[in-house]
Amino acid sequence: MTDEVKPALNRKSRVITQGDRRSPNRAMLRAVGFNDNDFNKPIIGIANGQSDVTPCNAGLGKLADVAKSEIKRSNGMPQMFGTITVSDGISMGTEGMKCSLVSREVIADSIEAVCRGANMDAVICVGGCDKNMPGALIAMARLDIPSIFVYGGTIKPGHLDGKDLTVVSSFEAVGQHSAGTINYDQLTDIEKNACPGFGSCGGMYTANTMSSAIEAMGMSLPYSSTMSNEDKEKELNAQKSAQALFPMLEKNITPKDILTREAFENAISVVMAVGGSTNAVLHLLAISSYMNLDLTIDDFEIIRKRVPHFCDLKPSGQFVTVDLHRAGGIPQVMKILLNKGLLHGDCMTVTGETVSENLKEVSNQANPSQKIILPIENPLSPEGHLVILKGNISPEGSVAKVSGIKTRRIEGPARVFDSEEECLDAIINDQIIDGDIVVIRYEGPKGGPGMREMLAPTSALVGKGLGDKVGLITDGRFSGGTHGLVVGHVAPEAQVGGVIGLIQEGDKIVIDIENRVLDTILSDEEIKLRKEKWKPLAPKYKKGVLAKYEKLVSSASIGAITDE
């Protein structure tokens, strides 16, 4: 065997077998189940995101246990450890949401620390809620040991009055109730039926977007990203994922072999095709930064122009992710893209085969009896739905999700709010009217800190019937469930002196999707004068995780990473 493909099982774990001076290490491992025959086996970490704080992660323990049993059966030594999660859906609209994006870094740091500290030969990460996935991929990129991701699976849709419900239905119902279009009992019925069991939020929201992107990049097994958590096939997927690590160990296939620039382009193409979350921009930029690929926010715009949006999925569409799975899942979407020359087929994957090889048995066209994956020649939109806007408000870039919106340009007076809570109160109290452009600022990575998602105000606008009549811009983020004429990730953010922090009540703002422009109608001289008078807000936290995050975090335009 050549040096280039030397087996990884001869790498790190054998440090514990080298002579008597290592006997204390061996003694500790004997206490957790190692015997004489186990010390030459590959040590495989299982990063287990099991948690009762959210349905997204409440069903992960069984998958981690399946992976552990399979590693043991396959002559490896599993070592399971826990990782955290913060539920976006539960923390939404509260101060707790400030910890959501922060948790991506905590997850990445914890997985990296354990795998380095325990000299792991490989790692399998089991995750569910939004930040579990990019957090795990960041850790894998840093570690560069054989790695595979197991998505915990999507939730099944709730049902009420013959309609599918998701968690976003609850948020929009709040706006409908305040607008008087539904009563309190109807609001309560939606709340009780929206989330029927375990699994991540059911539409093509952030969790399912990132699971799809990871599958497209080749870091998880085909079909794994759209399975339901509660279906038996998800346990079988965890078993097969554990099995897949052993050929990777033998061939020493690591993230550097899989997470190439072409792999990220594949992920972006799939995100555009399925109508995925704006958060994909943030997370893919963050992961790519650890592979030194020079992927930029402008690459999303280049790919958007050539990839149609042809999957009809919530939040702007009709169907949920389990419907996509039944229609052929991400492999079917990828095969359609591949046949049109919109995918790199020679990228390596965790199967040990290329994208093209993985897709060779997949049909060239989706089954015509289903309505989720549309013909690429007759898409929902001939171009992708994630538009990068620039202008004097966002010279570094901002992100708009335009799927399903009718209004492509709006010019109106700014309604300025320095927090999400202030804005939501104004919407609920009917202080926002047709033609207004809502500005929510000091919610960026540093200003929040933590770059909260604005699902509560955007859902309230939709619930009040203002989704296509009011614009909204923010240096914060949006939930994958957000839709409407909204622009997020505005950079530079207000807290570092970005123009969004200089806008005053009544200033004219232009959101122009077709020309990819986000501008305020102010002269350069006026902007300069305002900047000279501007001062940043005092830090909101003096110590602890949010204070550390504020000091370290970079611009959203490069992924809001913490070691730039």
Foldseek 3Di string as FASTA:
>chain_A
DDPQQAFLLPPFLCVCVPDPVSVVVVVVVVVVPDDPLQSSAAEEEEAQAADPPALQRVLRVLLSVLLCVLCVVVRHHYDYDYAYADAQLVCAPHLSLLCHLLSLQRLLVVVLCVCVVNRGQEYEYEGTHQSSQLSVLLNQLQVFHHYAYFYLAAFAFFDDPHATAWSLVLLLVVLLCLLVVDDPVVSVVNVVGGGDGHGHIWWLWRRLLSLLLCVLLQRADPLRSLHHNPDPVSSVRSSVRSVLSNVCSSRVPGVLQRRAPQSNLSSLLLCQQQLHFPCNLLSSLSSVVSSVHPDFSVVSQVLQQQHHHAFAIPPLGGHTSNLCSVQPHSLQVSLLCVVVVSHDQQGAHSNRHTNCVSNVPPDNHTDPVGRGGGRLVDGQGNGGQWFWADELQAPLTWIAGARNADDQKAKAWEDEDAALVVLLVCLSVVVDDFRYEYEYALQACQSSVRQGANSNNQSSCVSNVCQRGYEYEYCGGHIRNGDGRYIYLRPPGLQVQGCSVQDDTGFMWMRHRVVRYTYTPDDPVVSVVSSVVDDGDDGPDDDDSSNLLSVQFDRSRSNRDRPD
